[in-house]
Amino acid sequence: MQRFFAVFFTLIFSLFSSFGAVDRRADAWQLDLPIYEGGQISENIYLDGSGLFSDEDGPTGSESLMELVRFTNRGQYENYCGALQEAGYQPVYENTLGGVTCAAFRKGEKLYYTYFAERKNEVRIIEDNNTNCFEDFGYECNSGEGATVYQFDYPYFDEGEKSDEALYADNGMMYIIHLADNSLIVIDGGAIRQSSNKNIDECIKFLHKITGTEAGEPIRIALWYGTHGHSDHVTFFYKLLGHYHGELLLERVMFNYPSLSLVEHDGRIDMFRNRLAKLYPDVKYLCPHTGMSFPIANATIDVLYTHEDAASAASGKTPVENPNDGSTICRITAAGKRLLITGDANHIAERAIIAIHGTDELKTDVLQAAHHLYNRLYRLYQATDAAYVLCPMSEGHGKMQRGYLAARLFYSKDQLLFADDALYGVTMSADGLKLTVDHTDCGPYDNSSMNEIW
């Protein structure tokens, strides 16, 4: 139905536009690019994020910029990509992913990313001023097919002895994926109250365990992927890097945080970006945009949604009011099995990702429950049809949340794997999925410093 209305209104707009009866808003175009011919340009340009640069003191001048066009079609989009090439913009990438067709161009050192959303008849054109590694960001290996995703077992706020909110967090998440070349993908981090010195030590022990390395030996983190700008998704990793940067070879990072001038984020995000600059000045950084696909060892990362998709193609403004709906949603595939990472997505993100891709594209084998089971995302849980749902929350506290009731409509209790008392691992291989259970000796917060660098 949505596709029908998109086509209908595009045809009506094209008809009225041919008679000069509607305004294309050509004077709203601000990018230093050839103007898009066709459709209607948004009233405002969208101020994207500042990438690796902290914007705690206001816009940095390095923000990426995005123009949006509605009431357009594939033919007009393809014509525009052709016009860019004729104007000297070198095509460096193209892809089709779900409901999106995308292409990237370079002129000099500038990177421009474009994509057409077929189901919405909308185009987004991004001047990406922050990505420092695009064409060769990913890499492939042929040493195997399988991968294992681990849900780190923080001690969460729950009941009884764990009911002290000064010692236990009721949120926070971190996932660790072990790849065939013995490298890791780390997703997010944890909350302040999960970041005791003991827990940091437990984590590095676990990383050495799954990589088969000795204490003090290097561990390759091929990619750190940050879903959104809340401290319970970065603080633990921030501290881990401070304490063990000598052992952690952080090669790549990707995140797409909205500009602080549009959507608030926690101060820990800027501290994390400053720590990256200090400890890993040569790290490869990619700002993910919808439609991107790239390999990391034997896994493939598909970007299905970012905060850019929520911005209105009419106004250029965003309805997103906090980082949760700005979560970058990615699918990670290994050995033909899918893992869907949703971060803390809520209803804005749920509606947008379904509007772009439909529900079939969301089907997965392993699902990360959105926002620690706080959110009632009925359509997401119905569409995903996973074998396992990883829940970054304690079981007792999780069962009290509205999102738990939504998940239980489509998943059994045995499919929901909580992170409070076991470190679950799901191996994705050509033979199927294999569930393992491990444990760490993590404990409550000890009021230790987040900011020491060893």
Protein backbone atom coordinates (compact mmCIF):
# COMPACT_ATOMS: atom_id res chain seq x y z
CA MET A 1 0.00 0.00 0.00
CA GLN A 2 2.79 2.41 0.88
CA ARG A 3 4.47 1.69 -2.44
CA PHE A 4 1.19 2.44 -4.24
CA PHE A 5 0.84 5.84 -2.56
CA ALA A 6 4.51 6.68 -3.23
CA VAL A 7 4.03 6.01 -6.94
CA PHE A 8 0.68 7.80 -7.02
CA PHE A 9 1.93 11.00 -5.39
CA THR A 10 5.07 10.94 -7.53
CA LEU A 11 2.95 10.82 -10.68
CA ILE A 12 0.70 13.64 -9.42
CA PHE A 13 3.73 15.75 -8.53
CA SER A 14 5.33 15.12 -11.93
CA LEU A 15 2.09 16.12 -13.68
CA PHE A 16 1.70 19.37 -11.76
CA SER A 17 5.42 20.09 -12.01
CA SER A 18 5.27 19.88 -15.80
CA PHE A 19 2.77 22.77 -15.73
CA GLY A 20 4.81 24.75 -13.22
CA ALA A 21 2.07 24.39 -10.63
CA VAL A 22 4.33 23.14 -7.82
CA ASP A 23 7.65 24.31 -6.49
CA ARG A 24 10.61 21.97 -6.81
CA ARG A 25 12.39 24.15 -4.22
CA ALA A 26 15.50 24.34 -6.36
CA ASP A 27 16.63 27.34 -4.32
CA ALA A 28 16.86 25.06 -1.25
CA TRP A 29 19.73 23.08 -2.82
CA GLN A 30 22.94 23.70 -0.84
CA LEU A 31 25.43 20.97 -1.74
CA ASP A 32 28.32 21.85 -4.02
CA LEU A 33 27.03 19.29 -6.52
CA PRO A 34 24.93 19.42 -9.67
CA ILE A 35 21.32 19.97 -8.62
CA TYR A 36 19.03 16.94 -8.68
CA GLU A 37 16.62 17.09 -11.61
CA GLY A 38 13.17 15.74 -10.76
CA GLY A 39 11.15 15.45 -7.59
CA GLN A 40 10.95 18.02 -4.83
CA ILE A 41 13.96 19.05 -2.77
CA SER A 42 13.58 19.26 1.01
CA GLU A 43 13.12 22.68 2.56
CA ASN A 44 16.31 22.35 4.63
CA ILE A 45 19.61 20.58 4.31
CA TYR A 46 20.16 17.95 7.02
CA LEU A 47 23.19 18.52 9.22
CA ASP A 48 24.71 15.08 9.62
CA GLY A 49 27.19 13.98 12.29
CA SER A 50 30.82 14.93 12.87
CA GLY A 51 32.28 11.41 12.74
CA LEU A 52 35.43 10.99 14.81
CA PHE A 53 35.37 14.63 15.90
CA SER A 54 33.82 15.64 19.21
CA ASP A 55 31.00 18.18 18.84
CA GLU A 56 30.38 18.76 22.55
CA ASP A 57 31.17 22.47 22.06
CA GLY A 58 28.86 22.84 19.07
CA PRO A 59 29.07 22.14 15.32
CA THR A 60 32.66 21.51 14.24
CA GLY A 61 32.37 22.61 10.62
CA SER A 62 33.31 19.05 9.65
CA GLU A 63 29.74 17.73 9.69
CA SER A 64 28.50 15.75 6.73
CA LEU A 65 25.53 17.26 4.87
CA MET A 66 22.50 15.57 3.33
CA GLU A 67 20.02 16.74 0.70
CA LEU A 68 16.70 14.87 0.46
CA VAL A 69 14.39 14.57 -2.52
CA ARG A 70 10.83 13.19 -2.56
CA PHE A 71 8.36 12.43 -5.39
CA THR A 72 11.17 11.07 -7.55
CA ASN A 73 11.74 7.73 -9.30
CA ARG A 74 14.43 5.29 -10.34
CA GLY A 75 14.85 6.79 -13.79
CA GLN A 76 15.49 10.26 -12.37
CA TYR A 77 17.92 8.82 -9.83
CA GLU A 78 19.85 6.93 -12.50
CA ASN A 79 19.92 10.07 -14.66
CA TYR A 80 21.36 11.99 -11.73
CA CYS A 81 24.10 9.43 -11.17
CA GLY A 82 24.91 9.73 -14.87
CA ALA A 83 24.97 13.52 -14.61
CA LEU A 84 27.45 13.30 -11.74
CA GLN A 85 29.78 11.18 -13.86
CA GLU A 86 29.52 13.63 -16.76
CA ALA A 87 30.44 16.42 -14.33
CA GLY A 88 33.64 14.61 -13.37
CA TYR A 89 32.53 12.73 -10.27
CA GLN A 90 34.21 9.33 -10.28
CA PRO A 91 31.94 6.38 -9.39
CA VAL A 92 33.59 4.23 -6.71
CA TYR A 93 30.74 2.06 -5.42
CA GLU A 94 27.29 0.75 -6.25
CA ASN A 95 25.00 -1.71 -4.54
CA THR A 96 21.42 -2.86 -4.17
CA LEU A 97 20.32 -3.88 -0.68
CA GLY A 98 16.71 -4.60 0.21
CA GLY A 99 14.66 -1.62 -0.91
CA VAL A 100 17.66 0.61 -1.57
CA THR A 101 19.87 1.24 -4.61
CA CYS A 102 23.00 3.21 -3.80
CA ALA A 103 26.11 4.65 -5.42
CA ALA A 104 29.15 6.57 -4.18
CA PHE A 105 31.30 9.08 -6.03
CA ARG A 106 34.54 10.94 -5.50
CA LYS A 107 35.82 14.23 -6.76
CA GLY A 108 39.24 15.06 -5.42
CA GLU A 109 39.25 13.98 -1.79
CA LYS A 110 35.49 14.44 -1.38
CA LEU A 111 33.21 11.44 -0.95
CA TYR A 112 29.54 11.63 -1.95
CA TYR A 113 27.06 8.86 -1.12
CA THR A 114 23.64 8.61 -2.75
CA TYR A 115 20.75 6.21 -2.43
CA PHE A 116 17.26 5.73 -3.82
CA ALA A 117 14.52 4.16 -1.68
CA GLU A 118 12.24 2.41 -4.19
CA ARG A 119 9.29 1.87 -1.86
CA LYS A 120 9.22 5.55 -0.86
CA ASN A 121 10.33 7.20 -4.12
CA GLU A 122 12.90 9.21 -2.17
CA VAL A 123 16.57 10.00 -2.73
CA ARG A 124 19.22 10.99 -0.20
CA ILE A 125 22.48 12.61 -1.28
CA ILE A 126 25.21 12.86 1.35
CA GLU A 127 28.40 14.87 1.31
CA ASP A 128 30.39 12.61 3.64
CA ASN A 129 33.05 14.78 5.25
CA ASN A 130 34.10 12.28 7.89
CA THR A 131 34.75 8.81 6.48
CA ASN A 132 38.52 8.43 6.19
CA CYS A 133 38.50 4.99 4.59
CA PHE A 134 35.78 3.87 2.18
CA GLU A 135 36.80 1.83 -0.87
CA ASP A 136 39.19 -0.42 1.07
CA PHE A 137 37.50 -0.34 4.48
CA GLY A 138 36.53 -4.02 4.46
CA TYR A 139 38.62 -7.11 3.77
CA GLU A 140 38.04 -10.78 3.05
CA CYS A 141 39.63 -13.99 4.28
CA ASN A 142 39.28 -17.56 3.06
CA SER A 143 40.30 -19.36 6.24
CA GLY A 144 36.79 -20.52 7.15
CA GLU A 145 33.09 -19.80 7.10
CA GLY A 146 31.77 -19.89 10.63
CA ALA A 147 31.50 -17.12 13.20
CA THR A 148 30.40 -17.06 16.83
CA VAL A 149 28.55 -14.16 18.47
CA TYR A 150 28.94 -13.85 22.24
CA GLN A 151 26.66 -11.85 24.53
CA PHE A 152 28.86 -10.57 27.34
CA ASP A 153 27.32 -11.46 30.71
CA TYR A 154 27.36 -8.25 32.70
CA PRO A 155 25.79 -8.33 36.17
CA TYR A 156 22.56 -6.41 35.66
CA PHE A 157 20.14 -4.75 38.07
CA ASP A 158 17.51 -7.32 39.02
CA GLU A 159 16.19 -8.35 42.43
CA GLY A 160 17.58 -9.25 45.84
CA GLU A 161 21.29 -8.50 46.17
CA LYS A 162 21.32 -7.01 42.65
CA SER A 163 18.64 -4.40 43.39
CA ASP A 164 21.12 -1.65 44.38
CA GLU A 165 21.09 0.79 41.45
CA ALA A 166 24.35 2.33 42.64
CA LEU A 167 26.08 -0.99 41.95
CA TYR A 168 24.10 -2.57 39.09
CA ALA A 169 22.94 -1.16 35.77
CA ASP A 170 19.55 -1.91 34.23
CA ASN A 171 20.89 -1.41 30.70
CA GLY A 172 24.16 -1.74 28.79
CA MET A 173 25.21 -4.20 26.10
CA MET A 174 28.27 -5.55 24.32
CA TYR A 175 28.55 -8.26 21.68
CA ILE A 176 31.75 -9.96 20.54
CA ILE A 177 31.92 -11.87 17.26
CA HIS A 178 34.80 -14.28 16.71
CA LEU A 179 35.65 -14.59 13.02
CA ALA A 180 37.40 -17.28 10.98
CA ASP A 181 40.72 -15.41 10.84
CA ASN A 182 40.79 -15.15 14.66
CA SER A 183 39.88 -11.47 14.61
CA LEU A 184 36.91 -9.93 16.41
CA ILE A 185 34.01 -7.62 15.77
CA VAL A 186 32.97 -5.80 18.94
CA ILE A 187 29.56 -4.14 19.05
CA ASP A 188 28.95 -1.34 21.56
CA GLY A 189 30.15 -1.50 25.18
CA GLY A 190 28.47 -1.36 28.56
CA ALA A 191 27.27 1.04 31.23
CA ILE A 192 29.31 2.85 33.86
CA ARG A 193 28.04 0.61 36.65
CA GLN A 194 29.20 -2.47 34.73
CA SER A 195 32.71 -1.07 34.30
CA SER A 196 34.47 -2.19 37.46
CA ASN A 197 38.18 -2.95 37.21
CA LYS A 198 37.39 -6.61 37.86
CA ASN A 199 34.93 -6.77 34.98
CA ILE A 200 37.40 -5.13 32.62
CA ASP A 201 39.93 -7.80 33.58
CA GLU A 202 37.33 -10.54 33.11
CA CYS A 203 36.61 -9.25 29.62
CA ILE A 204 40.23 -9.23 28.48
CA LYS A 205 40.63 -12.76 29.86
CA PHE A 206 37.64 -13.84 27.80
CA LEU A 207 39.01 -12.21 24.65
CA HIS A 208 42.29 -14.05 25.12
CA LYS A 209 40.35 -17.27 25.72
CA ILE A 210 38.32 -17.17 22.50
CA THR A 211 41.29 -16.05 20.38
CA GLY A 212 43.68 -18.58 21.93
CA THR A 213 46.19 -15.88 22.85
CA GLU A 214 48.22 -15.47 26.03
CA ALA A 215 47.95 -12.52 28.39
CA GLY A 216 49.88 -9.61 26.94
CA GLU A 217 49.69 -10.91 23.37
CA PRO A 218 47.87 -8.77 20.80
CA ILE A 219 44.18 -9.29 20.06
CA ARG A 220 42.88 -8.06 16.71
CA ILE A 221 39.63 -6.12 16.81
CA ALA A 222 38.93 -5.94 13.08
CA LEU A 223 35.89 -3.71 13.67
CA TRP A 224 34.19 -1.82 16.47
CA TYR A 225 30.60 -0.97 15.57
CA GLY A 226 28.75 1.58 17.69
CA THR A 227 24.98 1.54 17.38
CA HIS A 228 24.11 4.90 18.98
CA GLY A 229 25.17 7.67 21.31
CA HIS A 230 24.20 6.48 24.78
CA SER A 231 26.83 5.85 27.44
CA ASP A 232 25.56 2.37 28.33
CA HIS A 233 26.63 1.35 24.82
CA VAL A 234 30.17 2.70 24.94
CA THR A 235 31.51 3.21 28.50
CA PHE A 236 32.77 -0.32 29.19
CA PHE A 237 34.60 -0.44 25.86
CA TYR A 238 35.93 3.07 26.47
CA LYS A 239 37.49 1.88 29.72
CA LEU A 240 38.66 -1.41 28.20
CA LEU A 241 40.65 0.53 25.59
CA GLY A 242 42.11 2.74 28.30
CA HIS A 243 43.33 -0.21 30.33
CA TYR A 244 44.36 -2.63 27.60
CA HIS A 245 45.13 -0.58 24.50
CA GLY A 246 48.58 -2.19 24.43
CA GLU A 247 46.97 -5.57 23.76
CA LEU A 248 43.98 -4.48 21.66
CA LEU A 249 44.78 -3.81 18.00
CA LEU A 250 41.77 -1.73 16.99
CA GLU A 251 41.82 -1.59 13.19
CA ARG A 252 38.44 -0.15 12.18
CA VAL A 253 35.53 1.69 13.74
CA MET A 254 32.13 2.57 12.34
CA PHE A 255 29.33 4.62 13.83
CA ASN A 256 26.91 7.27 12.60
CA TYR A 257 25.97 9.56 15.48
CA PRO A 258 23.66 12.48 14.60
CA SER A 259 24.91 16.01 15.09
CA LEU A 260 24.58 17.08 18.72
CA SER A 261 22.82 20.20 17.45
CA LEU A 262 19.93 17.97 16.32
CA VAL A 263 19.89 14.97 18.67
CA GLU A 264 21.43 14.83 22.14
CA HIS A 265 24.04 12.25 22.99
CA ASP A 266 25.81 11.39 26.22
CA GLY A 267 29.06 13.14 27.09
CA ARG A 268 30.80 9.78 27.20
CA ILE A 269 30.50 9.68 23.40
CA ASP A 270 32.77 12.70 23.01
CA MET A 271 35.18 11.30 25.59
CA PHE A 272 35.28 8.08 23.57
CA ARG A 273 36.01 9.94 20.33
CA ASN A 274 38.79 11.84 22.07
CA ARG A 275 40.23 8.57 23.38
CA LEU A 276 40.21 7.10 19.88
CA ALA A 277 42.13 10.11 18.61
CA LYS A 278 44.71 9.73 21.36
CA LEU A 279 45.20 5.96 21.42
CA TYR A 280 44.35 4.99 17.82
CA PRO A 281 45.09 8.01 15.63
CA ASP A 282 45.39 5.86 12.48
CA VAL A 283 42.19 3.87 12.95
CA LYS A 284 40.09 3.42 9.82
CA TYR A 285 36.74 5.14 10.21
CA LEU A 286 33.59 4.58 8.17
CA CYS A 287 30.36 6.50 8.62
CA PRO A 288 27.78 3.85 7.69
CA HIS A 289 24.90 4.83 5.39
CA THR A 290 21.89 2.74 4.38
CA GLY A 291 22.61 0.44 1.46
CA MET A 292 26.27 -0.21 2.24
CA SER A 293 27.58 -3.77 2.26
CA PHE A 294 31.18 -4.76 2.98
CA PRO A 295 33.14 -7.78 4.22
CA ILE A 296 35.00 -8.13 7.48
CA ALA A 297 36.99 -11.37 7.22
CA ASN A 298 34.38 -14.07 6.48
CA ALA A 299 31.38 -11.95 7.58
CA THR A 300 29.35 -9.44 5.57
CA ILE A 301 27.98 -6.25 7.11
CA ASP A 302 24.78 -4.83 5.55
CA VAL A 303 23.62 -1.40 6.71
CA LEU A 304 19.81 -1.38 6.80
CA TYR A 305 18.97 1.83 8.71
CA THR A 306 20.57 4.94 10.18
CA HIS A 307 19.15 8.15 11.66
CA GLU A 308 19.41 9.64 8.16
CA ASP A 309 16.43 7.53 7.08
CA ALA A 310 14.18 9.08 9.71
CA ALA A 311 14.70 12.63 8.41
CA SER A 312 11.69 14.03 6.56
CA ALA A 313 12.17 14.32 2.80
CA ALA A 314 9.74 17.25 2.88
CA SER A 315 11.37 19.39 5.56
CA GLY A 316 14.84 17.92 6.00
CA LYS A 317 14.16 17.80 9.74
CA THR A 318 14.20 14.75 12.00
CA PRO A 319 11.54 13.41 14.38
CA VAL A 320 14.28 11.62 16.34
CA GLU A 321 14.52 13.14 19.82
CA ASN A 322 17.06 10.86 21.47
CA PRO A 323 19.81 8.52 20.25
CA ASN A 324 17.70 5.35 20.50
CA ASP A 325 15.81 5.87 17.25
CA GLY A 326 19.10 7.00 15.75
CA SER A 327 20.53 3.50 16.20
CA THR A 328 22.40 2.15 13.20
CA ILE A 329 20.76 -1.19 12.37
CA CYS A 330 22.97 -3.72 10.62
CA ARG A 331 22.73 -7.32 9.49
CA ILE A 332 25.85 -9.43 9.91
CA THR A 333 25.97 -12.60 7.81
CA ALA A 334 28.41 -15.50 8.13
CA ALA A 335 28.11 -18.97 6.60
CA GLY A 336 24.69 -18.01 5.27
CA LYS A 337 23.33 -17.27 8.74
CA ARG A 338 22.09 -13.83 9.75
CA LEU A 339 22.48 -11.75 12.92
CA LEU A 340 20.36 -8.58 13.16
CA ILE A 341 21.68 -5.82 15.46
CA THR A 342 19.00 -3.29 16.39
CA GLY A 343 20.71 -1.24 19.11
CA ASP A 344 18.04 0.63 21.05
CA ALA A 345 15.67 1.17 18.10
CA ASN A 346 12.15 2.29 18.93
CA HIS A 347 9.01 2.99 16.88
CA ILE A 348 10.47 5.68 14.60
CA ALA A 349 13.26 3.36 13.51
CA GLU A 350 10.89 0.39 13.25
CA ARG A 351 8.50 2.27 10.97
CA ALA A 352 11.32 3.66 8.83
CA ILE A 353 13.17 0.40 8.27
CA ILE A 354 9.96 -1.40 7.28
CA ALA A 355 8.94 1.48 5.03
CA ILE A 356 12.29 1.23 3.23
CA HIS A 357 12.75 -2.52 3.00
CA GLY A 358 9.48 -4.23 3.83
CA THR A 359 9.34 -7.03 6.40
CA ASP A 360 10.94 -9.87 4.42
CA GLU A 361 14.37 -8.22 4.59
CA LEU A 362 14.25 -8.35 8.41
CA LYS A 363 14.08 -12.14 8.63
CA THR A 364 17.09 -13.36 10.58
CA ASP A 365 18.54 -16.32 12.46
CA VAL A 366 19.74 -14.46 15.54
CA LEU A 367 18.17 -11.22 16.77
CA GLN A 368 19.40 -8.68 19.29
CA ALA A 369 16.34 -7.56 21.27
CA ALA A 370 15.88 -3.82 20.78
CA HIS A 371 16.52 -1.47 23.71
CA HIS A 372 16.98 -4.14 26.36
CA LEU A 373 13.35 -5.27 25.85
CA TYR A 374 11.95 -1.89 26.87
CA ASN A 375 10.17 -1.22 23.56
CA ARG A 376 7.05 -2.90 22.16
CA LEU A 377 8.19 -3.49 18.59
CA TYR A 378 5.51 -5.95 17.50
CA ARG A 379 6.17 -5.65 13.76
CA LEU A 380 9.91 -6.15 14.21
CA TYR A 381 9.52 -9.27 16.36
CA GLN A 382 6.94 -10.74 14.02
CA ALA A 383 9.08 -10.13 10.93
CA THR A 384 12.40 -11.41 12.24
CA ASP A 385 11.43 -15.04 12.93
CA ALA A 386 14.77 -15.79 14.60
CA ALA A 387 15.90 -19.00 16.28
CA TYR A 388 17.42 -17.06 19.19
CA VAL A 389 16.83 -13.60 20.65
CA LEU A 390 19.78 -12.14 22.54
CA CYS A 391 18.48 -9.96 25.38
CA PRO A 392 20.99 -7.50 26.93
CA MET A 393 19.15 -7.40 30.25
CA SER A 394 18.63 -9.52 33.35
CA GLU A 395 15.82 -12.03 33.10
CA GLY A 396 13.98 -10.81 36.19
CA HIS A 397 14.02 -7.15 35.19
CA GLY A 398 13.50 -7.95 31.51
CA LYS A 399 10.26 -9.79 32.18
CA MET A 400 8.81 -6.61 33.67
CA GLN A 401 9.26 -4.63 30.44
CA ARG A 402 6.70 -3.97 27.71
CA GLY A 403 9.08 -5.25 25.06
CA TYR A 404 9.19 -8.64 26.75
CA LEU A 405 5.45 -9.04 26.25
CA ALA A 406 5.83 -8.07 22.59
CA ALA A 407 8.67 -10.56 22.08
CA ARG A 408 6.75 -13.35 23.83
CA LEU A 409 3.93 -13.07 21.30
CA PHE A 410 6.31 -14.48 18.69
CA TYR A 411 9.08 -16.22 20.66
CA SER A 412 9.11 -18.91 23.35
CA LYS A 413 10.89 -18.48 26.69
CA ASP A 414 13.62 -20.87 25.54
CA GLN A 415 14.44 -18.64 22.58
CA LEU A 416 15.11 -15.58 24.75
CA LEU A 417 18.70 -15.59 26.02
CA PHE A 418 19.32 -13.14 28.86
CA ALA A 419 22.72 -11.70 29.67
CA ASP A 420 22.67 -11.60 33.45
CA ASP A 421 23.96 -14.99 34.54
CA ALA A 422 25.48 -16.68 31.49
CA LEU A 423 27.70 -15.79 28.57
CA TYR A 424 25.81 -17.22 25.63
CA GLY A 425 27.57 -17.96 22.37
CA VAL A 426 25.79 -18.74 19.10
CA THR A 427 27.97 -20.25 16.41
CA MET A 428 26.71 -19.60 12.89
CA SER A 429 27.98 -22.24 10.46
CA ALA A 430 26.93 -24.05 7.31
CA ASP A 431 25.62 -26.82 9.56
CA GLY A 432 23.25 -24.47 11.36
CA LEU A 433 23.31 -22.72 14.74
CA LYS A 434 25.02 -24.08 17.84
CA LEU A 435 24.37 -22.61 21.28
CA THR A 436 27.08 -22.66 23.96
CA VAL A 437 27.03 -21.38 27.55
CA ASP A 438 30.02 -19.89 29.35
CA HIS A 439 30.47 -17.74 32.46
CA THR A 440 32.65 -14.92 33.70
CA ASP A 441 33.25 -13.80 37.25
CA CYS A 442 31.90 -10.27 36.79
CA GLY A 443 30.72 -8.31 39.80
CA PRO A 444 29.14 -5.02 40.88
CA TYR A 445 30.58 -1.58 40.26
CA ASP A 446 33.55 -0.62 42.44
CA ASN A 447 33.53 3.17 41.85
CA SER A 448 36.83 2.91 39.99
CA SER A 449 37.84 5.59 37.51
CA MET A 450 36.70 5.47 33.88
CA ASN A 451 39.47 7.75 32.73
CA GLU A 452 42.76 6.13 33.66
CA ILE A 453 44.94 5.04 30.75
CA TRP A 454 47.37 2.27 31.58
